[in-house]
PDB file of N, CA and C in Angstrom:
ATOM      1  N   MET A   1      97.475  27.461  95.566  1.00  0.00           N
ATOM      2  CA  MET A   1      96.940  27.758  94.596  1.00  0.00           C
ATOM      3  C   MET A   1      95.215  27.450  95.396  1.00  0.00           C
ATOM      4  N   ILE A   2      94.430  28.306  95.181  1.00  0.00           N
ATOM      5  CA  ILE A   2      93.499  27.620  95.030  1.00  0.00           C
ATOM      6  C   ILE A   2      92.652  27.330  94.308  1.00  0.00           C
ATOM      7  N   THR A   3      91.565  25.743  93.856  1.00  0.00           N
ATOM      8  CA  THR A   3      91.008  25.196  92.532  1.00  0.00           C
ATOM      9  C   THR A   3      89.325  25.507  92.596  1.00  0.00           C
ATOM     10  N   GLU A   4      89.025  25.391  91.260  1.00  0.00           N
ATOM     11  CA  GLU A   4      87.819  26.629  91.501  1.00  0.00           C
ATOM     12  C   GLU A   4      86.458  25.630  92.324  1.00  0.00           C
ATOM     13  N   THR A   5      86.724  24.068  92.993  1.00  0.00           N
ATOM     14  CA  THR A   5      86.210  24.105  93.690  1.00  0.00           C
ATOM     15  C   THR A   5      86.237  24.785  94.861  1.00  0.00           C
ATOM     16  N   GLY A   6      87.256  25.444  95.456  1.00  0.00           N
ATOM     17  CA  GLY A   6      87.862  25.826  96.447  1.00  0.00           C
ATOM     18  C   GLY A   6      89.147  25.088  97.480  1.00  0.00           C
ATOM     19  N   VAL A   7      89.325  24.043  97.114  1.00  0.00           N
ATOM     20  CA  VAL A   7      90.092  23.027  97.406  1.00  0.00           C
ATOM     21  C   VAL A   7      91.624  24.201  97.609  1.00  0.00           C
ATOM     22  N   VAL A   8      92.412  23.897  98.172  1.00  0.00           N
ATOM     23  CA  VAL A   8      93.817  24.321  98.776  1.00  0.00           C
ATOM     24  C   VAL A   8      94.312  23.354  97.877  1.00  0.00           C
ATOM     25  N   GLN A   9      95.452  23.577  97.274  1.00  0.00           N
ATOM     26  CA  GLN A   9      96.810  22.477  96.116  1.00  0.00           C
ATOM     27  C   GLN A   9      97.987  23.369  96.752  1.00  0.00           C
ATOM     28  N   LYS A  10      98.622  22.535  97.380  1.00  0.00           N
ATOM     29  CA  LYS A  10     100.001  22.647  98.216  1.00  0.00           C
ATOM     30  C   LYS A  10     100.814  22.197  96.576  1.00  0.00           C
ATOM     31  N   VAL A  11     101.794  23.314  96.281  1.00  0.00           N
ATOM     32  CA  VAL A  11     103.102  22.555  95.913  1.00  0.00           C
ATOM     33  C   VAL A  11     104.341  22.887  95.874  1.00  0.00           C
ATOM     34  N   ILE A  12     104.547  21.435  95.772  1.00  0.00           N
ATOM     35  CA  ILE A  12     106.598  22.036  96.042  1.00  0.00           C
ATOM     36  C   ILE A  12     107.447  22.526  94.640  1.00  0.00           C
ATOM     37  N   THR A  13     108.200  23.439  94.609  1.00  0.00           N
ATOM     38  CA  THR A  13     108.385  23.565  93.366  1.00  0.00           C
ATOM     39  C   THR A  13     110.150  23.392  93.621  1.00  0.00           C
ATOM     40  N   PRO A  14     110.926  23.929  92.478  1.00  0.00           N
ATOM     41  CA  PRO A  14     112.465  23.233  92.783  1.00  0.00           C
ATOM     42  C   PRO A  14     113.309  23.845  92.932  1.00  0.00           C
ATOM     43  N   HIS A  15     112.772  25.544  93.852  1.00  0.00           N
ATOM     44  CA  HIS A  15     112.885  26.253  94.179  1.00  0.00           C
ATOM     45  C   HIS A  15     113.200  26.241  96.447  1.00  0.00           C
ATOM     46  N   ASP A  16     111.872  25.060  96.160  1.00  0.00           N
ATOM     47  CA  ASP A  16     111.780  24.686  98.133  1.00  0.00           C
ATOM     48  C   ASP A  16     112.581  23.826  98.534  1.00  0.00           C
ATOM     49  N   TYR A  17     113.630  24.053  99.730  1.00  0.00           N
ATOM     50  CA  TYR A  17     114.604  23.173 100.517  1.00  0.00           C
ATOM     51  C   TYR A  17     114.020  22.926 101.727  1.00  0.00           C
ATOM     52  N   CYS A  18     114.589  21.935 102.732  1.00  0.00           N
ATOM     53  CA  CYS A  18     114.404  21.607 104.041  1.00  0.00           C
ATOM     54  C   CYS A  18     114.838  22.940 104.748  1.00  0.00           C
ATOM     55  N   ASP A  19     113.881  22.699 105.551  1.00  0.00           N
ATOM     56  CA  ASP A  19     113.846  24.107 106.588  1.00  0.00           C
ATOM     57  C   ASP A  19     115.087  23.528 107.759  1.00  0.00           C
ATOM     58  N   ARG A  20     115.523  22.204 107.322  1.00  0.00           N
ATOM     59  CA  ARG A  20     116.767  21.895 108.816  1.00  0.00           C
ATOM     60  C   ARG A  20     118.140  21.346 107.843  1.00  0.00           C
ATOM     61  N   CYS A  21     118.013  21.608 106.304  1.00  0.00           N
ATOM     62  CA  CYS A  21     119.205  21.778 105.794  1.00  0.00           C
ATOM     63  C   CYS A  21     118.875  21.598 104.071  1.00  0.00           C
ATOM     64  N   VAL A  22     119.737  22.174 103.121  1.00  0.00           N
ATOM     65  CA  VAL A  22     120.360  22.745 102.549  1.00  0.00           C
ATOM     66  C   VAL A  22     119.983  21.544 101.330  1.00  0.00           C
ATOM     67  N   ALA A  23     118.779  19.709 101.631  1.00  0.00           N
ATOM     68  CA  ALA A  23     118.857  19.312 100.328  1.00  0.00           C
ATOM     69  C   ALA A  23     117.471  20.081 100.426  1.00  0.00           C
ATOM     70  N   LYS A  24     117.140  18.720  98.705  1.00  0.00           N
ATOM     71  CA  LYS A  24     115.846  19.393  97.940  1.00  0.00           C
ATOM     72  C   LYS A  24     114.299  19.378  99.080  1.00  0.00           C
ATOM     73  N   ALA A  25     113.331  19.960  99.017  1.00  0.00           N
ATOM     74  CA  ALA A  25     112.033  19.570  99.611  1.00  0.00           C
ATOM     75  C   ALA A  25     111.539  18.758  99.419  1.00  0.00           C
ATOM     76  N   TYR A  26     111.022  17.277  99.672  1.00  0.00           N
ATOM     77  CA  TYR A  26     110.065  16.493  99.420  1.00  0.00           C
ATOM     78  C   TYR A  26     108.859  15.967 100.378  1.00  0.00           C
ATOM     79  N   PHE A  27     109.194  16.806 101.305  1.00  0.00           N
ATOM     80  CA  PHE A  27     107.703  16.840 102.064  1.00  0.00           C
ATOM     81  C   PHE A  27     107.047  18.283 102.653  1.00  0.00           C
ATOM     82  N   LEU A  28     106.080  18.465 102.735  1.00  0.00           N
ATOM     83  CA  LEU A  28     105.158  19.692 103.201  1.00  0.00           C
ATOM     84  C   LEU A  28     104.539  19.174 104.302  1.00  0.00           C
ATOM     85  N   VAL A  29     105.156  20.372 105.376  1.00  0.00           N
ATOM     86  CA  VAL A  29     103.383  19.593 106.676  1.00  0.00           C
ATOM     87  C   VAL A  29     103.243  21.013 107.210  1.00  0.00           C
ATOM     88  N   SER A  30     102.207  20.621 106.782  1.00  0.00           N
ATOM     89  CA  SER A  30     100.973  22.015 107.047  1.00  0.00           C
ATOM     90  C   SER A  30     100.942  21.872 108.599  1.00  0.00           C
ATOM     91  N   LEU A  31     101.112  22.835 109.850  1.00  0.00           N
ATOM     92  CA  LEU A  31     100.416  23.191 110.892  1.00  0.00           C
ATOM     93  C   LEU A  31     100.037  24.307 110.964  1.00  0.00           C
ATOM     94  N   ASN A  32      98.975  24.066 112.509  1.00  0.00           N
ATOM     95  CA  ASN A  32      98.750  25.684 112.538  1.00  0.00           C
ATOM     96  C   ASN A  32      99.465  26.905 112.697  1.00  0.00           C
ATOM     97  N   THR A  33     100.492  26.486 112.791  1.00  0.00           N
ATOM     98  CA  THR A  33     101.356  28.046 112.635  1.00  0.00           C
ATOM     99  C   THR A  33     102.018  28.546 110.872  1.00  0.00           C
ATOM    100  N   GLY A  34     102.471  27.278 110.542  1.00  0.00           N
ATOM    101  CA  GLY A  34     102.321  27.602 109.004  1.00  0.00           C
ATOM    102  C   GLY A  34     102.551  26.258 108.023  1.00  0.00           C
ATOM    103  N   ASP A  35     103.469  26.410 106.841  1.00  0.00           N
ATOM    104  CA  ASP A  35     104.470  25.229 106.597  1.00  0.00           C
ATOM    105  C   ASP A  35     105.918  25.283 106.591  1.00  0.00           C
ATOM    106  N   LEU A  36     106.377  23.992 106.669  1.00  0.00           N
ATOM    107  CA  LEU A  36     107.064  23.411 107.308  1.00  0.00           C
ATOM    108  C   LEU A  36     107.925  22.312 105.684  1.00  0.00           C
ATOM    109  N   TYR A  37     109.299  22.821 105.401  1.00  0.00           N
ATOM    110  CA  TYR A  37     109.855  21.852 104.113  1.00  0.00           C
ATOM    111  C   TYR A  37     110.487  20.937 105.090  1.00  0.00           C
ATOM    112  N   PHE A  38     110.560  19.381 104.342  1.00  0.00           N
ATOM    113  CA  PHE A  38     111.877  18.592 104.648  1.00  0.00           C
ATOM    114  C   PHE A  38     112.334  17.896 103.484  1.00  0.00           C
ATOM    115  N   CYS A  39     113.581  17.354 103.498  1.00  0.00           N
ATOM    116  CA  CYS A  39     113.730  16.429 102.860  1.00  0.00           C
ATOM    117  C   CYS A  39     113.118  15.330 103.427  1.00  0.00           C
ATOM    118  N   GLY A  40     113.396  13.739 102.998  1.00  0.00           N
ATOM    119  CA  GLY A  40     113.429  13.237 102.833  1.00  0.00           C
ATOM    120  C   GLY A  40     114.249  12.697 104.214  1.00  0.00           C
ATOM    121  N   HIS A  41     115.010  12.223 104.311  1.00  0.00           N
ATOM    122  CA  HIS A  41     116.024  12.016 105.277  1.00  0.00           C
ATOM    123  C   HIS A  41     115.563  12.651 106.882  1.00  0.00           C
ATOM    124  N   HIS A  42     115.548  14.124 106.928  1.00  0.00           N
ATOM    125  CA  HIS A  42     114.777  14.752 108.032  1.00  0.00           C
ATOM    126  C   HIS A  42     112.661  15.126 108.285  1.00  0.00           C
ATOM    127  N   PHE A  43     112.241  14.368 107.319  1.00  0.00           N
ATOM    128  CA  PHE A  43     110.810  13.592 107.743  1.00  0.00           C
ATOM    129  C   PHE A  43     110.986  12.590 108.346  1.00  0.00           C
ATOM    130  N   SER A  44     111.622  11.499 107.976  1.00  0.00           N
ATOM    131  CA  SER A  44     111.745  10.279 108.708  1.00  0.00           C
ATOM    132  C   SER A  44     112.427   9.936 110.092  1.00  0.00           C
ATOM    133  N   LYS A  45     112.755  11.427 109.683  1.00  0.00           N
ATOM    134  CA  LYS A  45     113.325  11.448 111.524  1.00  0.00           C
ATOM    135  C   LYS A  45     112.698  12.099 112.039  1.00  0.00           C
ATOM    136  N   TYR A  46     111.897  13.081 111.453  1.00  0.00           N
ATOM    137  CA  TYR A  46     110.569  13.631 112.944  1.00  0.00           C
ATOM    138  C   TYR A  46     108.917  13.147 112.358  1.00  0.00           C
ATOM    139  N   GLU A  47     109.120  12.470 111.350  1.00  0.00           N
ATOM    140  CA  GLU A  47     107.832  12.050 110.895  1.00  0.00           C
ATOM    141  C   GLU A  47     106.916  11.047 112.311  1.00  0.00           C
ATOM    142  N   GLY A  48     107.442  10.862 113.287  1.00  0.00           N
ATOM    143  CA  GLY A  48     106.170  10.775 114.250  1.00  0.00           C
ATOM    144  C   GLY A  48     106.028  11.785 114.765  1.00  0.00           C
ATOM    145  N   THR A  49     106.521  12.771 114.949  1.00  0.00           N
ATOM    146  CA  THR A  49     106.064  13.987 116.192  1.00  0.00           C
ATOM    147  C   THR A  49     104.915  14.653 115.020  1.00  0.00           C
ATOM    148  N   LEU A  50     106.042  14.586 113.426  1.00  0.00           N
ATOM    149  CA  LEU A  50     105.462  15.720 112.805  1.00  0.00           C
ATOM    150  C   LEU A  50     103.950  15.338 112.389  1.00  0.00           C
ATOM    151  N   VAL A  51     102.949  13.331 112.263  1.00  0.00           N
ATOM    152  CA  VAL A  51     101.840  13.524 111.875  1.00  0.00           C
ATOM    153  C   VAL A  51     100.838  13.339 113.692  1.00  0.00           C
ATOM    154  N   GLY A  52     101.145  13.625 114.682  1.00  0.00           N
ATOM    155  CA  GLY A  52     100.534  14.574 115.535  1.00  0.00           C
ATOM    156  C   GLY A  52     100.238  15.688 115.512  1.00  0.00           C
ATOM    157  N   LEU A  53     100.857  16.514 115.009  1.00  0.00           N
ATOM    158  CA  LEU A  53     100.843  17.998 115.013  1.00  0.00           C
ATOM    159  C   LEU A  53      99.987  18.405 113.594  1.00  0.00           C
ATOM    160  N   ALA A  54     100.186  17.757 112.946  1.00  0.00           N
ATOM    161  CA  ALA A  54      99.888  18.157 111.442  1.00  0.00           C
ATOM    162  C   ALA A  54      98.615  18.118 111.084  1.00  0.00           C
ATOM    163  N   SER A  55      98.239  19.319 110.399  1.00  0.00           N
ATOM    164  CA  SER A  55      97.250  19.177 109.832  1.00  0.00           C
ATOM    165  C   SER A  55      96.842  18.692 108.349  1.00  0.00           C
ATOM    166  N   ASN A  56      98.000  18.493 107.691  1.00  0.00           N
ATOM    167  CA  ASN A  56      98.115  18.255 106.605  1.00  0.00           C
ATOM    168  C   ASN A  56      99.892  17.525 106.331  1.00  0.00           C
ATOM    169  N   ILE A  57     100.030  16.778 105.407  1.00  0.00           N
ATOM    170  CA  ILE A  57     101.098  15.938 105.083  1.00  0.00           C
ATOM    171  C   ILE A  57     101.428  15.963 104.023  1.00  0.00           C
ATOM    172  N   TYR A  58     102.040  16.866 102.378  1.00  0.00           N
ATOM    173  CA  TYR A  58     102.059  16.283 101.961  1.00  0.00           C
ATOM    174  C   TYR A  58     103.131  16.609 100.993  1.00  0.00           C
ATOM    175  N   ALA A  59     103.282  14.978  99.840  1.00  0.00           N
ATOM    176  CA  ALA A  59     104.380  14.186  99.919  1.00  0.00           C
ATOM    177  C   ALA A  59     104.400  14.456  98.436  1.00  0.00           C
ATOM    178  N   HIS A  60     105.927  15.065  97.919  1.00  0.00           N
ATOM    179  CA  HIS A  60     106.419  15.082  96.513  1.00  0.00           C
ATOM    180  C   HIS A  60     106.166  14.195  94.799  1.00  0.00           C
ATOM    181  N   SER A  61     105.514  14.318  94.662  1.00  0.00           N
ATOM    182  CA  SER A  61     105.100  13.184  93.899  1.00  0.00           C
ATOM    183  C   SER A  61     106.241  13.176  92.384  1.00  0.00           C
ATOM    184  N   ASP A  62     107.496  12.074  92.409  1.00  0.00           N
ATOM    185  CA  ASP A  62     108.292  11.636  91.841  1.00  0.00           C
ATOM    186  C   ASP A  62     107.905  11.454  90.243  1.00  0.00           C
ATOM    187  N   THR A  63     107.125  12.495  89.535  1.00  0.00           N
ATOM    188  CA  THR A  63     106.553  12.207  88.408  1.00  0.00           C
ATOM    189  C   THR A  63     106.551  13.925  87.350  1.00  0.00           C
ATOM    190  N   ALA A  64     106.267  14.230  86.567  1.00  0.00           N
ATOM    191  CA  ALA A  64     106.410  15.417  85.952  1.00  0.00           C
ATOM    192  C   ALA A  64     105.176  16.582  86.632  1.00  0.00           C
ATOM    193  N   SER A  65     104.074  16.242  87.383  1.00  0.00           N
ATOM    194  CA  SER A  65     103.387  17.063  87.863  1.00  0.00           C
ATOM    195  C   SER A  65     104.096  16.910  88.979  1.00  0.00           C
ATOM    196  N   PRO A  66     104.249  18.834  89.306  1.00  0.00           N
ATOM    197  CA  PRO A  66     104.772  19.254  90.597  1.00  0.00           C
ATOM    198  C   PRO A  66     103.322  19.548  92.258  1.00  0.00           C
ATOM    199  N   THR A  67     101.988  18.751  91.592  1.00  0.00           N
ATOM    200  CA  THR A  67     101.620  18.864  92.274  1.00  0.00           C
ATOM    201  C   THR A  67     101.599  17.485  93.940  1.00  0.00           C
ATOM    202  N   LEU A  68     101.310  18.257  95.037  1.00  0.00           N
ATOM    203  CA  LEU A  68     101.465  16.971  95.975  1.00  0.00           C
ATOM    204  C   LEU A  68     100.279  16.581  96.959  1.00  0.00           C
ATOM    205  N   LYS A  69     100.560  15.447  96.814  1.00  0.00           N
ATOM    206  CA  LYS A  69      99.067  14.419  97.283  1.00  0.00           C
ATOM    207  C   LYS A  69      99.385  14.230  99.043  1.00  0.00           C
ATOM    208  N   SER A  70      97.886  14.600  99.857  1.00  0.00           N
ATOM    209  CA  SER A  70      98.226  14.720 100.796  1.00  0.00           C
ATOM    210  C   SER A  70      97.900  12.881 101.369  1.00  0.00           C
ATOM    211  N   THR A  71      98.980  12.753 102.455  1.00  0.00           N
ATOM    212  CA  THR A  71      99.444  12.059 102.998  1.00  0.00           C
ATOM    213  C   THR A  71      99.049  11.471 104.084  1.00  0.00           C
ATOM    214  N   VAL A  72      97.779  12.693 105.229  1.00  0.00           N
ATOM    215  CA  VAL A  72      97.348  12.094 106.706  1.00  0.00           C
ATOM    216  C   VAL A  72      96.191  11.259 105.890  1.00  0.00           C
ATOM    217  N   SER A  73      95.836  11.953 105.103  1.00  0.00           N
ATOM    218  CA  SER A  73      94.602  10.483 105.186  1.00  0.00           C
ATOM    219  C   SER A  73      94.810   8.909 105.329  1.00  0.00           C
ATOM    220  N   ASP A  74      95.803   9.206 104.737  1.00  0.00           N
ATOM    221  CA  ASP A  74      96.661   7.140 104.140  1.00  0.00           C
ATOM    222  C   ASP A  74      96.920   6.890 105.396  1.00  0.00           C
ATOM    223  N   MET A  75      97.531   7.992 106.517  1.00  0.00           N
ATOM    224  CA  MET A  75      98.033   7.789 108.072  1.00  0.00           C
ATOM    225  C   MET A  75      96.850   7.738 109.136  1.00  0.00           C
ATOM    226  N   GLU A  76      96.020   7.582 108.624  1.00  0.00           N
ATOM    227  CA  GLU A  76      94.476   7.748 109.791  1.00  0.00           C
ATOM    228  C   GLU A  76      93.554   6.306 109.711  1.00  0.00           C
TER     229      GLU A  76
END
Protein backbone atom coordinates (compact mmCIF):
# COMPACT_ATOMS: atom_id res chain seq x y z
CA MET A 1 0.00 0.00 0.00
CA ILE A 2 1.29 3.51 -0.84
CA THR A 3 0.27 6.30 1.53
CA GLU A 4 -0.63 9.88 0.55
CA THR A 5 2.98 10.91 1.21
CA GLY A 6 4.29 8.26 -1.23
CA VAL A 7 5.65 5.97 1.49
CA VAL A 8 5.25 2.27 0.82
CA GLN A 9 3.52 0.61 3.75
CA LYS A 10 4.02 -3.15 4.08
CA VAL A 11 1.41 -5.32 5.79
CA ILE A 12 1.48 -8.92 6.95
CA THR A 13 -1.96 -10.46 6.69
CA PRO A 14 -3.29 -13.53 8.52
CA HIS A 15 -2.82 -15.37 5.21
CA ASP A 16 0.97 -14.85 5.10
CA TYR A 17 3.15 -17.76 6.15
CA CYS A 18 6.85 -18.36 6.65
CA ASP A 19 8.70 -19.13 3.42
CA ARG A 20 10.64 -21.88 5.23
CA CYS A 21 7.78 -23.68 7.05
CA VAL A 22 4.01 -23.49 7.53
CA ALA A 23 4.04 -21.20 10.59
CA LYS A 24 2.42 -17.74 10.58
CA ALA A 25 4.74 -15.00 9.30
CA TYR A 26 5.84 -12.39 11.82
CA PHE A 27 8.68 -10.82 9.82
CA LEU A 28 8.78 -9.43 6.31
CA VAL A 29 12.23 -9.03 4.81
CA SER A 30 12.52 -6.81 1.73
CA LEU A 31 15.42 -7.70 -0.55
CA ASN A 32 16.41 -6.26 -3.92
CA THR A 33 15.01 -9.42 -5.54
CA GLY A 34 11.69 -9.45 -3.63
CA ASP A 35 10.12 -10.04 -0.22
CA LEU A 36 10.53 -13.02 2.11
CA TYR A 37 8.27 -13.91 5.03
CA PHE A 38 9.58 -15.59 8.20
CA CYS A 39 8.18 -16.98 11.42
CA GLY A 40 9.96 -15.97 14.63
CA HIS A 41 12.05 -19.15 14.73
CA HIS A 42 13.39 -18.90 11.19
CA PHE A 43 13.94 -15.13 11.39
CA SER A 44 16.04 -15.66 14.52
CA LYS A 45 17.98 -18.43 12.79
CA TYR A 46 18.86 -16.27 9.75
CA GLU A 47 18.77 -12.80 11.32
CA GLY A 48 22.52 -12.17 11.12
CA THR A 49 22.58 -12.79 7.38
CA LEU A 50 19.27 -11.07 6.65
CA VAL A 51 20.25 -7.82 8.37
CA GLY A 52 23.23 -7.51 6.02
CA LEU A 53 21.20 -8.25 2.87
CA ALA A 54 17.84 -6.59 3.50
CA SER A 55 16.80 -3.17 2.32
CA ASN A 56 14.12 -3.24 5.07
CA ILE A 57 12.94 -5.64 7.75
CA TYR A 58 9.42 -5.27 9.08
CA ALA A 59 8.26 -6.88 12.31
CA HIS A 60 4.59 -7.75 12.84
CA SER A 61 2.95 -5.82 15.63
CA ASP A 62 0.98 -8.01 18.01
CA THR A 63 -1.56 -5.22 18.38
CA ALA A 64 -4.84 -5.01 16.46
CA SER A 65 -3.14 -3.02 13.68
CA PRO A 66 -1.64 -5.17 10.89
CA THR A 67 0.82 -2.39 10.01
CA LEU A 68 4.47 -3.31 10.33
CA LYS A 69 7.24 -1.13 11.62
CA SER A 70 10.65 -1.10 10.01
CA THR A 71 13.38 -2.52 12.23
CA VAL A 72 16.39 -1.91 10.00
CA SER A 73 16.78 1.71 11.15
CA ASP A 74 16.72 0.47 14.76
CA MET A 75 19.56 -1.98 14.02
CA GLU A 76 21.94 0.53 12.44
